[in-house]
Amino acid sequence: MKDYTFGFIGAGRITRIMLGGFKRAGKLPQQIVVTDSNQEALDALKRHFPNINAVFNDTKKPSTQDLVFLALHPPAMSPVLNEIRPSIGEGTIVVSLAPTNNHRQHLRAFGWIQTHHPSFA
């Protein structure tokens, strides 16, 4: 089975929780790239997960990974989606961890939501 690479845009609490869960399950990938515009948030995450590649304010590196997690507050979602769109590969899986669903239309416009699951109705 392929060892997927992870990219996280946002280095806050939800990213720490997600990485902690993968670590406890023994499924933490070898390559994890995390970016944030807050250097202190990156430093704090790096203390918990020293093997991550923490990059300051660079959405391109994490957006080129196999799985891209958008760990952003809703107001930041649309600008970041526009910024990373050229870097997202055809086989990339993009996962939004935002606490609301207001960005669904934007994701659909990019063709990133292609499901008939009831939660995406």
PDB file of N, CA and C in Angstrom:
ATOM      1  N   MET A   1       0.835  -1.186   0.000  1.00  0.00           N
ATOM      2  CA  MET A   1       0.000   0.000   0.000  1.00  0.00           C
ATOM      3  C   MET A   1       0.883   1.253   0.000  1.00  0.00           C
ATOM      4  N   LYS A   2       0.457   2.248  -0.709  1.00  0.00           N
ATOM      5  CA  LYS A   2       1.213   3.488  -0.828  1.00  0.00           C
ATOM      6  C   LYS A   2       1.263   4.227   0.502  1.00  0.00           C
ATOM      7  N   ASP A   3       2.414   4.812   0.809  1.00  0.00           N
ATOM      8  CA  ASP A   3       2.547   5.661   1.992  1.00  0.00           C
ATOM      9  C   ASP A   3       2.209   7.084   1.557  1.00  0.00           C
ATOM     10  N   TYR A   4       0.992   7.491   1.798  1.00  0.00           N
ATOM     11  CA  TYR A   4       0.526   8.800   1.364  1.00  0.00           C
ATOM     12  C   TYR A   4       1.259   9.924   2.090  1.00  0.00           C
ATOM     13  N   THR A   5       1.400  11.039   1.397  1.00  0.00           N
ATOM     14  CA  THR A   5       1.967  12.229   2.014  1.00  0.00           C
ATOM     15  C   THR A   5       0.823  13.152   2.410  1.00  0.00           C
ATOM     16  N   PHE A   6       1.019  13.876   3.501  1.00  0.00           N
ATOM     17  CA  PHE A   6      -0.008  14.777   4.020  1.00  0.00           C
ATOM     18  C   PHE A   6       0.473  16.216   3.935  1.00  0.00           C
ATOM     19  N   GLY A   7      -0.445  17.098   3.589  1.00  0.00           N
ATOM     20  CA  GLY A   7      -0.204  18.536   3.662  1.00  0.00           C
ATOM     21  C   GLY A   7      -1.304  19.165   4.493  1.00  0.00           C
ATOM     22  N   PHE A   8      -0.929  20.007   5.421  1.00  0.00           N
ATOM     23  CA  PHE A   8      -1.891  20.736   6.249  1.00  0.00           C
ATOM     24  C   PHE A   8      -1.694  22.222   6.019  1.00  0.00           C
ATOM     25  N   ILE A   9      -2.783  22.907   5.715  1.00  0.00           N
ATOM     26  CA  ILE A   9      -2.749  24.366   5.627  1.00  0.00           C
ATOM     27  C   ILE A   9      -3.473  24.857   6.866  1.00  0.00           C
ATOM     28  N   GLY A  10      -2.686  25.319   7.805  1.00  0.00           N
ATOM     29  CA  GLY A  10      -3.168  25.688   9.129  1.00  0.00           C
ATOM     30  C   GLY A  10      -2.502  24.780  10.153  1.00  0.00           C
ATOM     31  N   ALA A  11      -1.911  25.364  11.176  1.00  0.00           N
ATOM     32  CA  ALA A  11      -1.143  24.594  12.161  1.00  0.00           C
ATOM     33  C   ALA A  11      -1.744  24.693  13.555  1.00  0.00           C
ATOM     34  N   GLY A  12      -3.039  24.909  13.625  1.00  0.00           N
ATOM     35  CA  GLY A  12      -3.685  25.106  14.916  1.00  0.00           C
ATOM     36  C   GLY A  12      -4.142  23.823  15.582  1.00  0.00           C
ATOM     37  N   ARG A  13      -5.125  23.989  16.425  1.00  0.00           N
ATOM     38  CA  ARG A  13      -5.614  22.911  17.287  1.00  0.00           C
ATOM     39  C   ARG A  13      -6.107  21.696  16.496  1.00  0.00           C
ATOM     40  N   ILE A  14      -6.883  21.917  15.446  1.00  0.00           N
ATOM     41  CA  ILE A  14      -7.434  20.780  14.710  1.00  0.00           C
ATOM     42  C   ILE A  14      -6.333  19.975  14.019  1.00  0.00           C
ATOM     43  N   THR A  15      -5.304  20.645  13.539  1.00  0.00           N
ATOM     44  CA  THR A  15      -4.173  19.931  12.936  1.00  0.00           C
ATOM     45  C   THR A  15      -3.462  19.094  13.987  1.00  0.00           C
ATOM     46  N   ARG A  16      -3.242  19.661  15.162  1.00  0.00           N
ATOM     47  CA  ARG A  16      -2.609  18.914  16.257  1.00  0.00           C
ATOM     48  C   ARG A  16      -3.452  17.688  16.639  1.00  0.00           C
ATOM     49  N   ILE A  17      -4.772  17.865  16.702  1.00  0.00           N
ATOM     50  CA  ILE A  17      -5.665  16.749  17.036  1.00  0.00           C
ATOM     51  C   ILE A  17      -5.599  15.668  15.962  1.00  0.00           C
ATOM     52  N   MET A  18      -5.654  16.061  14.694  1.00  0.00           N
ATOM     53  CA  MET A  18      -5.603  15.092  13.590  1.00  0.00           C
ATOM     54  C   MET A  18      -4.278  14.320  13.596  1.00  0.00           C
ATOM     55  N   LEU A  19      -3.172  15.041  13.709  1.00  0.00           N
ATOM     56  CA  LEU A  19      -1.877  14.377  13.714  1.00  0.00           C
ATOM     57  C   LEU A  19      -1.734  13.452  14.921  1.00  0.00           C
ATOM     58  N   GLY A  20      -2.258  13.883  16.069  1.00  0.00           N
ATOM     59  CA  GLY A  20      -2.221  13.043  17.258  1.00  0.00           C
ATOM     60  C   GLY A  20      -3.000  11.751  17.059  1.00  0.00           C
ATOM     61  N   GLY A  21      -4.144  11.833  16.405  1.00  0.00           N
ATOM     62  CA  GLY A  21      -4.938  10.650  16.119  1.00  0.00           C
ATOM     63  C   GLY A  21      -4.223   9.687  15.187  1.00  0.00           C
ATOM     64  N   PHE A  22      -3.630  10.225  14.130  1.00  0.00           N
ATOM     65  CA  PHE A  22      -2.870   9.377  13.209  1.00  0.00           C
ATOM     66  C   PHE A  22      -1.688   8.730  13.929  1.00  0.00           C
ATOM     67  N   LYS A  23      -1.043   9.491  14.801  1.00  0.00           N
ATOM     68  CA  LYS A  23       0.106   8.964  15.540  1.00  0.00           C
ATOM     69  C   LYS A  23      -0.331   7.827  16.474  1.00  0.00           C
ATOM     70  N   ARG A  24      -1.408   8.038  17.228  1.00  0.00           N
ATOM     71  CA  ARG A  24      -1.896   6.998  18.145  1.00  0.00           C
ATOM     72  C   ARG A  24      -2.321   5.735  17.397  1.00  0.00           C
ATOM     73  N   ALA A  25      -2.828   5.912  16.187  1.00  0.00           N
ATOM     74  CA  ALA A  25      -3.244   4.764  15.373  1.00  0.00           C
ATOM     75  C   ALA A  25      -2.069   4.103  14.659  1.00  0.00           C
ATOM     76  N   GLY A  26      -0.884   4.698  14.780  1.00  0.00           N
ATOM     77  CA  GLY A  26       0.282   4.162  14.092  1.00  0.00           C
ATOM     78  C   GLY A  26       0.247   4.400  12.595  1.00  0.00           C
ATOM     79  N   LYS A  27      -0.463   5.437  12.162  1.00  0.00           N
ATOM     80  CA  LYS A  27      -0.645   5.723  10.732  1.00  0.00           C
ATOM     81  C   LYS A  27      -0.063   7.069  10.316  1.00  0.00           C
ATOM     82  N   LEU A  28       0.834   7.609  11.100  1.00  0.00           N
ATOM     83  CA  LEU A  28       1.443   8.891  10.768  1.00  0.00           C
ATOM     84  C   LEU A  28       2.384   8.689   9.575  1.00  0.00           C
ATOM     85  N   PRO A  29       2.137   9.390   8.463  1.00  0.00           N
ATOM     86  CA  PRO A  29       2.989   9.183   7.281  1.00  0.00           C
ATOM     87  C   PRO A  29       4.399   9.726   7.489  1.00  0.00           C
ATOM     88  N   GLN A  30       5.299   9.271   6.650  1.00  0.00           N
ATOM     89  CA  GLN A  30       6.692   9.717   6.718  1.00  0.00           C
ATOM     90  C   GLN A  30       6.826  11.195   6.353  1.00  0.00           C
ATOM     91  N   GLN A  31       6.017  11.638   5.374  1.00  0.00           N
ATOM     92  CA  GLN A  31       6.128  13.024   4.904  1.00  0.00           C
ATOM     93  C   GLN A  31       4.869  13.806   5.235  1.00  0.00           C
ATOM     94  N   ILE A  32       5.041  14.819   6.078  1.00  0.00           N
ATOM     95  CA  ILE A  32       3.953  15.726   6.454  1.00  0.00           C
ATOM     96  C   ILE A  32       4.481  17.144   6.325  1.00  0.00           C
ATOM     97  N   VAL A  33       3.790  17.937   5.522  1.00  0.00           N
ATOM     98  CA  VAL A  33       4.163  19.343   5.332  1.00  0.00           C
ATOM     99  C   VAL A  33       3.037  20.187   5.901  1.00  0.00           C
ATOM    100  N   VAL A  34       3.393  21.118   6.780  1.00  0.00           N
ATOM    101  CA  VAL A  34       2.405  21.990   7.424  1.00  0.00           C
ATOM    102  C   VAL A  34       2.824  23.433   7.213  1.00  0.00           C
ATOM    103  N   THR A  35       1.844  24.272   6.883  1.00  0.00           N
ATOM    104  CA  THR A  35       2.110  25.704   6.768  1.00  0.00           C
ATOM    105  C   THR A  35       1.134  26.488   7.615  1.00  0.00           C
ATOM    106  N   ASP A  36       1.554  27.660   8.006  1.00  0.00           N
ATOM    107  CA  ASP A  36       0.702  28.594   8.733  1.00  0.00           C
ATOM    108  C   ASP A  36       1.326  29.973   8.597  1.00  0.00           C
ATOM    109  N   SER A  37       0.507  30.996   8.739  1.00  0.00           N
ATOM    110  CA  SER A  37       1.021  32.372   8.704  1.00  0.00           C
ATOM    111  C   SER A  37       1.473  32.817  10.088  1.00  0.00           C
ATOM    112  N   ASN A  38       1.341  31.935  11.074  1.00  0.00           N
ATOM    113  CA  ASN A  38       1.739  32.220  12.447  1.00  0.00           C
ATOM    114  C   ASN A  38       2.910  31.306  12.808  1.00  0.00           C
ATOM    115  N   GLN A  39       4.102  31.882  12.892  1.00  0.00           N
ATOM    116  CA  GLN A  39       5.305  31.091  13.186  1.00  0.00           C
ATOM    117  C   GLN A  39       5.212  30.409  14.551  1.00  0.00           C
ATOM    118  N   GLU A  40       4.589  31.064  15.521  1.00  0.00           N
ATOM    119  CA  GLU A  40       4.453  30.460  16.852  1.00  0.00           C
ATOM    120  C   GLU A  40       3.613  29.185  16.801  1.00  0.00           C
ATOM    121  N   ALA A  41       2.566  29.180  15.983  1.00  0.00           N
ATOM    122  CA  ALA A  41       1.734  27.982  15.835  1.00  0.00           C
ATOM    123  C   ALA A  41       2.544  26.848  15.214  1.00  0.00           C
ATOM    124  N   LEU A  42       3.356  27.163  14.215  1.00  0.00           N
ATOM    125  CA  LEU A  42       4.214  26.150  13.603  1.00  0.00           C
ATOM    126  C   LEU A  42       5.223  25.600  14.602  1.00  0.00           C
ATOM    127  N   ASP A  43       5.831  26.482  15.378  1.00  0.00           N
ATOM    128  CA  ASP A  43       6.820  26.051  16.370  1.00  0.00           C
ATOM    129  C   ASP A  43       6.192  25.143  17.417  1.00  0.00           C
ATOM    130  N   ALA A  44       4.981  25.487  17.865  1.00  0.00           N
ATOM    131  CA  ALA A  44       4.288  24.669  18.868  1.00  0.00           C
ATOM    132  C   ALA A  44       3.967  23.284  18.292  1.00  0.00           C
ATOM    133  N   LEU A  45       3.513  23.237  17.046  1.00  0.00           N
ATOM    134  CA  LEU A  45       3.197  21.954  16.414  1.00  0.00           C
ATOM    135  C   LEU A  45       4.462  21.117  16.243  1.00  0.00           C
ATOM    136  N   LYS A  46       5.536  21.775  15.874  1.00  0.00           N
ATOM    137  CA  LYS A  46       6.819  21.087  15.666  1.00  0.00           C
ATOM    138  C   LYS A  46       7.331  20.474  16.978  1.00  0.00           C
ATOM    139  N   ARG A  47       7.046  21.114  18.102  1.00  0.00           N
ATOM    140  CA  ARG A  47       7.442  20.543  19.395  1.00  0.00           C
ATOM    141  C   ARG A  47       6.707  19.226  19.656  1.00  0.00           C
ATOM    142  N   HIS A  48       5.452  19.146  19.245  1.00  0.00           N
ATOM    143  CA  HIS A  48       4.671  17.914  19.423  1.00  0.00           C
ATOM    144  C   HIS A  48       5.018  16.846  18.385  1.00  0.00           C
ATOM    145  N   PHE A  49       5.343  17.299  17.183  1.00  0.00           N
ATOM    146  CA  PHE A  49       5.614  16.386  16.063  1.00  0.00           C
ATOM    147  C   PHE A  49       6.913  16.837  15.374  1.00  0.00           C
ATOM    148  N   PRO A  50       8.058  16.473  15.947  1.00  0.00           N
ATOM    149  CA  PRO A  50       9.337  16.989  15.433  1.00  0.00           C
ATOM    150  C   PRO A  50       9.679  16.580  14.007  1.00  0.00           C
ATOM    151  N   ASN A  51       9.043  15.544  13.477  1.00  0.00           N
ATOM    152  CA  ASN A  51       9.381  15.085  12.125  1.00  0.00           C
ATOM    153  C   ASN A  51       8.616  15.781  11.016  1.00  0.00           C
ATOM    154  N   ILE A  52       7.687  16.679  11.358  1.00  0.00           N
ATOM    155  CA  ILE A  52       6.954  17.376  10.298  1.00  0.00           C
ATOM    156  C   ILE A  52       7.855  18.403   9.621  1.00  0.00           C
ATOM    157  N   ASN A  53       7.531  18.709   8.398  1.00  0.00           N
ATOM    158  CA  ASN A  53       8.202  19.775   7.664  1.00  0.00           C
ATOM    159  C   ASN A  53       7.321  21.017   7.815  1.00  0.00           C
ATOM    160  N   ALA A  54       7.715  21.919   8.702  1.00  0.00           N
ATOM    161  CA  ALA A  54       6.938  23.130   8.975  1.00  0.00           C
ATOM    162  C   ALA A  54       7.467  24.257   8.101  1.00  0.00           C
ATOM    163  N   VAL A  55       6.589  24.817   7.253  1.00  0.00           N
ATOM    164  CA  VAL A  55       6.984  25.905   6.360  1.00  0.00           C
ATOM    165  C   VAL A  55       6.121  27.125   6.658  1.00  0.00           C
ATOM    166  N   PHE A  56       6.765  28.251   6.787  1.00  0.00           N
ATOM    167  CA  PHE A  56       6.062  29.482   7.134  1.00  0.00           C
ATOM    168  C   PHE A  56       5.393  30.096   5.916  1.00  0.00           C
ATOM    169  N   ASN A  57       4.079  30.278   6.003  1.00  0.00           N
ATOM    170  CA  ASN A  57       3.309  31.060   5.038  1.00  0.00           C
ATOM    171  C   ASN A  57       3.547  30.645   3.580  1.00  0.00           C
ATOM    172  N   ASP A  58       3.547  29.339   3.314  1.00  0.00           N
ATOM    173  CA  ASP A  58       3.772  28.829   1.966  1.00  0.00           C
ATOM    174  C   ASP A  58       2.757  27.722   1.690  1.00  0.00           C
ATOM    175  N   THR A  59       1.656  28.053   1.046  1.00  0.00           N
ATOM    176  CA  THR A  59       0.604  27.069   0.804  1.00  0.00           C
ATOM    177  C   THR A  59       0.944  26.100  -0.331  1.00  0.00           C
ATOM    178  N   LYS A  60       1.916  26.435  -1.165  1.00  0.00           N
ATOM    179  CA  LYS A  60       2.232  25.578  -2.303  1.00  0.00           C
ATOM    180  C   LYS A  60       2.789  24.224  -1.863  1.00  0.00           C
ATOM    181  N   LYS A  61       3.717  24.201  -0.921  1.00  0.00           N
ATOM    182  CA  LYS A  61       4.334  22.929  -0.514  1.00  0.00           C
ATOM    183  C   LYS A  61       3.315  21.937   0.045  1.00  0.00           C
ATOM    184  N   PRO A  62       2.468  22.332   0.980  1.00  0.00           N
ATOM    185  CA  PRO A  62       1.495  21.344   1.459  1.00  0.00           C
ATOM    186  C   PRO A  62       0.443  20.982   0.412  1.00  0.00           C
ATOM    187  N   SER A  63       0.138  21.889  -0.495  1.00  0.00           N
ATOM    188  CA  SER A  63      -0.917  21.612  -1.482  1.00  0.00           C
ATOM    189  C   SER A  63      -0.461  20.661  -2.580  1.00  0.00           C
ATOM    190  N   THR A  64       0.805  20.290  -2.612  1.00  0.00           N
ATOM    191  CA  THR A  64       1.296  19.335  -3.599  1.00  0.00           C
ATOM    192  C   THR A  64       1.372  17.912  -3.031  1.00  0.00           C
ATOM    193  N   GLN A  65       0.907  17.714  -1.804  1.00  0.00           N
ATOM    194  CA  GLN A  65       0.931  16.387  -1.182  1.00  0.00           C
ATOM    195  C   GLN A  65      -0.272  15.558  -1.659  1.00  0.00           C
ATOM    196  N   ASP A  66      -0.288  14.281  -1.291  1.00  0.00           N
ATOM    197  CA  ASP A  66      -1.374  13.382  -1.715  1.00  0.00           C
ATOM    198  C   ASP A  66      -2.709  13.747  -1.072  1.00  0.00           C
ATOM    199  N   LEU A  67      -2.680  14.032   0.213  1.00  0.00           N
ATOM    200  CA  LEU A  67      -3.868  14.463   0.946  1.00  0.00           C
ATOM    201  C   LEU A  67      -3.602  15.857   1.494  1.00  0.00           C
ATOM    202  N   VAL A  68      -4.492  16.775   1.190  1.00  0.00           N
ATOM    203  CA  VAL A  68      -4.350  18.158   1.643  1.00  0.00           C
ATOM    204  C   VAL A  68      -5.496  18.469   2.587  1.00  0.00           C
ATOM    205  N   PHE A  69      -5.157  18.799   3.823  1.00  0.00           N
ATOM    206  CA  PHE A  69      -6.146  19.142   4.841  1.00  0.00           C
ATOM    207  C   PHE A  69      -6.191  20.653   4.995  1.00  0.00           C
ATOM    208  N   LEU A  70      -7.375  21.222   4.822  1.00  0.00           N
ATOM    209  CA  LEU A  70      -7.569  22.661   4.981  1.00  0.00           C
ATOM    210  C   LEU A  70      -8.070  22.910   6.393  1.00  0.00           C
ATOM    211  N   ALA A  71      -7.157  23.283   7.264  1.00  0.00           N
ATOM    212  CA  ALA A  71      -7.469  23.502   8.675  1.00  0.00           C
ATOM    213  C   ALA A  71      -7.514  25.008   8.928  1.00  0.00           C
ATOM    214  N   LEU A  72      -8.532  25.625   8.353  1.00  0.00           N
ATOM    215  CA  LEU A  72      -8.633  27.082   8.338  1.00  0.00           C
ATOM    216  C   LEU A  72      -9.966  27.544   8.905  1.00  0.00           C
ATOM    217  N   HIS A  73      -9.982  28.780   9.365  1.00  0.00           N
ATOM    218  CA  HIS A  73     -11.246  29.401   9.742  1.00  0.00           C
ATOM    219  C   HIS A  73     -12.000  29.739   8.453  1.00  0.00           C
ATOM    220  N   PRO A  74     -13.326  29.691   8.479  1.00  0.00           N
ATOM    221  CA  PRO A  74     -14.115  29.917   7.261  1.00  0.00           C
ATOM    222  C   PRO A  74     -13.759  31.178   6.470  1.00  0.00           C
ATOM    223  N   PRO A  75     -13.488  32.329   7.101  1.00  0.00           N
ATOM    224  CA  PRO A  75     -13.165  33.509   6.285  1.00  0.00           C
ATOM    225  C   PRO A  75     -11.894  33.358   5.450  1.00  0.00           C
ATOM    226  N   ALA A  76     -10.996  32.480   5.862  1.00  0.00           N
ATOM    227  CA  ALA A  76      -9.742  32.289   5.121  1.00  0.00           C
ATOM    228  C   ALA A  76      -9.866  31.256   4.013  1.00  0.00           C
ATOM    229  N   MET A  77     -10.965  30.523   3.989  1.00  0.00           N
ATOM    230  CA  MET A  77     -11.091  29.391   3.065  1.00  0.00           C
ATOM    231  C   MET A  77     -11.047  29.813   1.597  1.00  0.00           C
ATOM    232  N   SER A  78     -11.887  30.721   1.157  1.00  0.00           N
ATOM    233  CA  SER A  78     -11.939  31.087  -0.262  1.00  0.00           C
ATOM    234  C   SER A  78     -10.624  31.634  -0.794  1.00  0.00           C
ATOM    235  N   PRO A  79      -9.977  32.573  -0.086  1.00  0.00           N
ATOM    236  CA  PRO A  79      -8.685  33.053  -0.617  1.00  0.00           C
ATOM    237  C   PRO A  79      -7.640  31.943  -0.740  1.00  0.00           C
ATOM    238  N   VAL A  80      -7.618  31.032   0.229  1.00  0.00           N
ATOM    239  CA  VAL A  80      -6.635  29.944   0.173  1.00  0.00           C
ATOM    240  C   VAL A  80      -6.982  28.962  -0.938  1.00  0.00           C
ATOM    241  N   LEU A  81      -8.262  28.663  -1.124  1.00  0.00           N
ATOM    242  CA  LEU A  81      -8.655  27.777  -2.225  1.00  0.00           C
ATOM    243  C   LEU A  81      -8.207  28.346  -3.568  1.00  0.00           C
ATOM    244  N   ASN A  82      -8.391  29.638  -3.757  1.00  0.00           N
ATOM    245  CA  ASN A  82      -7.941  30.278  -4.998  1.00  0.00           C
ATOM    246  C   ASN A  82      -6.426  30.192  -5.144  1.00  0.00           C
ATOM    247  N   GLU A  83      -5.723  30.329  -4.029  1.00  0.00           N
ATOM    248  CA  GLU A  83      -4.264  30.316  -4.048  1.00  0.00           C
ATOM    249  C   GLU A  83      -3.704  28.928  -4.368  1.00  0.00           C
ATOM    250  N   ILE A  84      -4.317  27.883  -3.833  1.00  0.00           N
ATOM    251  CA  ILE A  84      -3.745  26.540  -3.999  1.00  0.00           C
ATOM    252  C   ILE A  84      -4.253  25.807  -5.237  1.00  0.00           C
ATOM    253  N   ARG A  85      -5.287  26.292  -5.845  1.00  0.00           N
ATOM    254  CA  ARG A  85      -5.887  25.570  -6.974  1.00  0.00           C
ATOM    255  C   ARG A  85      -4.876  25.144  -8.033  1.00  0.00           C
ATOM    256  N   PRO A  86      -3.949  26.003  -8.460  1.00  0.00           N
ATOM    257  CA  PRO A  86      -2.986  25.564  -9.487  1.00  0.00           C
ATOM    258  C   PRO A  86      -2.050  24.446  -9.025  1.00  0.00           C
ATOM    259  N   SER A  87      -1.866  24.287  -7.729  1.00  0.00           N
ATOM    260  CA  SER A  87      -0.929  23.286  -7.202  1.00  0.00           C
ATOM    261  C   SER A  87      -1.563  21.924  -6.967  1.00  0.00           C
ATOM    262  N   ILE A  88      -2.887  21.868  -6.960  1.00  0.00           N
ATOM    263  CA  ILE A  88      -3.581  20.626  -6.652  1.00  0.00           C
ATOM    264  C   ILE A  88      -3.542  19.704  -7.866  1.00  0.00           C
ATOM    265  N   GLY A  89      -3.001  18.500  -7.654  1.00  0.00           N
ATOM    266  CA  GLY A  89      -2.913  17.523  -8.732  1.00  0.00           C
ATOM    267  C   GLY A  89      -4.235  16.796  -8.925  1.00  0.00           C
ATOM    268  N   GLU A  90      -4.358  16.108 -10.043  1.00  0.00           N
ATOM    269  CA  GLU A  90      -5.602  15.419 -10.371  1.00  0.00           C
ATOM    270  C   GLU A  90      -5.955  14.343  -9.351  1.00  0.00           C
ATOM    271  N   GLY A  91      -4.971  13.664  -8.797  1.00  0.00           N
ATOM    272  CA  GLY A  91      -5.230  12.598  -7.833  1.00  0.00           C
ATOM    273  C   GLY A  91      -5.225  13.048  -6.386  1.00  0.00           C
ATOM    274  N   THR A  92      -5.053  14.335  -6.155  1.00  0.00           N
ATOM    275  CA  THR A  92      -4.983  14.854  -4.790  1.00  0.00           C
ATOM    276  C   THR A  92      -6.354  14.823  -4.128  1.00  0.00           C
ATOM    277  N   ILE A  93      -6.373  14.447  -2.876  1.00  0.00           N
ATOM    278  CA  ILE A  93      -7.600  14.466  -2.083  1.00  0.00           C
ATOM    279  C   ILE A  93      -7.534  15.696  -1.182  1.00  0.00           C
ATOM    280  N   VAL A  94      -8.540  16.553  -1.282  1.00  0.00           N
ATOM    281  CA  VAL A  94      -8.611  17.773  -0.481  1.00  0.00           C
ATOM    282  C   VAL A  94      -9.700  17.588   0.567  1.00  0.00           C
ATOM    283  N   VAL A  95      -9.330  17.784   1.825  1.00  0.00           N
ATOM    284  CA  VAL A  95     -10.254  17.601   2.939  1.00  0.00           C
ATOM    285  C   VAL A  95     -10.363  18.908   3.699  1.00  0.00           C
ATOM    286  N   SER A  96     -11.575  19.430   3.811  1.00  0.00           N
ATOM    287  CA  SER A  96     -11.794  20.641   4.582  1.00  0.00           C
ATOM    288  C   SER A  96     -12.108  20.266   6.023  1.00  0.00           C
ATOM    289  N   LEU A  97     -11.409  20.892   6.947  1.00  0.00           N
ATOM    290  CA  LEU A  97     -11.661  20.708   8.375  1.00  0.00           C
ATOM    291  C   LEU A  97     -12.320  21.943   8.968  1.00  0.00           C
ATOM    292  N   ALA A  98     -12.806  22.827   8.099  1.00  0.00           N
ATOM    293  CA  ALA A  98     -13.449  24.064   8.550  1.00  0.00           C
ATOM    294  C   ALA A  98     -14.737  23.738   9.297  1.00  0.00           C
ATOM    295  N   PRO A  99     -15.073  24.536  10.305  1.00  0.00           N
ATOM    296  CA  PRO A  99     -16.239  24.228  11.140  1.00  0.00           C
ATOM    297  C   PRO A  99     -17.596  24.524  10.511  1.00  0.00           C
ATOM    298  N   THR A 100     -17.645  25.093   9.320  1.00  0.00           N
ATOM    299  CA  THR A 100     -18.932  25.343   8.669  1.00  0.00           C
ATOM    300  C   THR A 100     -18.887  24.821   7.248  1.00  0.00           C
ATOM    301  N   ASN A 101     -20.028  24.826   6.609  1.00  0.00           N
ATOM    302  CA  ASN A 101     -20.133  24.311   5.250  1.00  0.00           C
ATOM    303  C   ASN A 101     -20.294  25.416   4.217  1.00  0.00           C
ATOM    304  N   ASN A 102     -20.019  26.639   4.570  1.00  0.00           N
ATOM    305  CA  ASN A 102     -20.220  27.761   3.656  1.00  0.00           C
ATOM    306  C   ASN A 102     -19.317  27.700   2.427  1.00  0.00           C
ATOM    307  N   HIS A 103     -18.261  26.935   2.473  1.00  0.00           N
ATOM    308  CA  HIS A 103     -17.315  26.886   1.367  1.00  0.00           C
ATOM    309  C   HIS A 103     -17.636  25.785   0.363  1.00  0.00           C
ATOM    310  N   ARG A 104     -18.727  25.048   0.567  1.00  0.00           N
ATOM    311  CA  ARG A 104     -19.082  23.942  -0.342  1.00  0.00           C
ATOM    312  C   ARG A 104     -19.224  24.399  -1.789  1.00  0.00           C
ATOM    313  N   GLN A 105     -19.886  25.523  -1.989  1.00  0.00           N
ATOM    314  CA  GLN A 105     -20.076  26.004  -3.360  1.00  0.00           C
ATOM    315  C   GLN A 105     -18.743  26.258  -4.035  1.00  0.00           C
ATOM    316  N   HIS A 106     -17.808  26.817  -3.289  1.00  0.00           N
ATOM    317  CA  HIS A 106     -16.487  27.090  -3.840  1.00  0.00           C
ATOM    318  C   HIS A 106     -15.793  25.779  -4.224  1.00  0.00           C
ATOM    319  N   LEU A 107     -15.871  24.787  -3.350  1.00  0.00           N
ATOM    320  CA  LEU A 107     -15.265  23.490  -3.637  1.00  0.00           C
ATOM    321  C   LEU A 107     -15.925  22.842  -4.849  1.00  0.00           C
ATOM    322  N   ARG A 108     -17.241  22.936  -4.938  1.00  0.00           N
ATOM    323  CA  ARG A 108     -17.948  22.365  -6.090  1.00  0.00           C
ATOM    324  C   ARG A 108     -17.534  23.062  -7.387  1.00  0.00           C
ATOM    325  N   ALA A 109     -17.362  24.369  -7.327  1.00  0.00           N
ATOM    326  CA  ALA A 109     -16.980  25.126  -8.518  1.00  0.00           C
ATOM    327  C   ALA A 109     -15.632  24.646  -9.064  1.00  0.00           C
ATOM    328  N   PHE A 110     -14.756  24.192  -8.175  1.00  0.00           N
ATOM    329  CA  PHE A 110     -13.462  23.669  -8.601  1.00  0.00           C
ATOM    330  C   PHE A 110     -13.548  22.197  -9.000  1.00  0.00           C
ATOM    331  N   GLY A 111     -14.731  21.590  -8.820  1.00  0.00           N
ATOM    332  CA  GLY A 111     -14.864  20.176  -9.113  1.00  0.00           C
ATOM    333  C   GLY A 111     -14.279  19.300  -8.024  1.00  0.00           C
ATOM    334  N   TRP A 112     -14.105  19.850  -6.834  1.00  0.00           N
ATOM    335  CA  TRP A 112     -13.467  19.105  -5.745  1.00  0.00           C
ATOM    336  C   TRP A 112     -14.467  18.332  -4.911  1.00  0.00           C
ATOM    337  N   ILE A 113     -15.737  18.616  -5.045  1.00  0.00           N
ATOM    338  CA  ILE A 113     -16.747  17.800  -4.374  1.00  0.00           C
ATOM    339  C   ILE A 113     -17.508  17.097  -5.476  1.00  0.00           C
ATOM    340  N   GLN A 114     -17.350  15.810  -5.521  1.00  0.00           N
ATOM    341  CA  GLN A 114     -18.025  15.014  -6.532  1.00  0.00           C
ATOM    342  C   GLN A 114     -18.635  13.805  -5.844  1.00  0.00           C
ATOM    343  N   THR A 115     -19.603  14.065  -5.013  1.00  0.00           N
ATOM    344  CA  THR A 115     -20.229  12.997  -4.255  1.00  0.00           C
ATOM    345  C   THR A 115     -21.712  13.291  -4.113  1.00  0.00           C
ATOM    346  N   HIS A 116     -22.458  12.276  -3.852  1.00  0.00           N
ATOM    347  CA  HIS A 116     -23.894  12.445  -3.615  1.00  0.00           C
ATOM    348  C   HIS A 116     -24.218  12.102  -2.172  1.00  0.00           C
ATOM    349  N   HIS A 117     -23.199  12.125  -1.338  1.00  0.00           N
ATOM    350  CA  HIS A 117     -23.400  11.833   0.082  1.00  0.00           C
ATOM    351  C   HIS A 117     -24.347  12.870   0.667  1.00  0.00           C
ATOM    352  N   PRO A 118     -25.287  12.469   1.539  1.00  0.00           N
ATOM    353  CA  PRO A 118     -26.282  13.412   2.090  1.00  0.00           C
ATOM    354  C   PRO A 118     -25.678  14.627   2.783  1.00  0.00           C
ATOM    355  N   SER A 119     -24.480  14.472   3.331  1.00  0.00           N
ATOM    356  CA  SER A 119     -23.885  15.625   4.018  1.00  0.00           C
ATOM    357  C   SER A 119     -23.429  16.696   3.043  1.00  0.00           C
ATOM    358  N   PHE A 120     -23.406  16.399   1.759  1.00  0.00           N
ATOM    359  CA  PHE A 120     -23.021  17.384   0.751  1.00  0.00           C
ATOM    360  C   PHE A 120     -24.205  17.841  -0.091  1.00  0.00           C
ATOM    361  N   ALA A 121     -25.391  17.564   0.376  1.00  0.00           N
ATOM    362  CA  ALA A 121     -26.595  17.937  -0.382  1.00  0.00           C
ATOM    363  C   ALA A 121     -26.782  19.434  -0.434  1.00  0.00           C
TER     364      ALA A 121
END
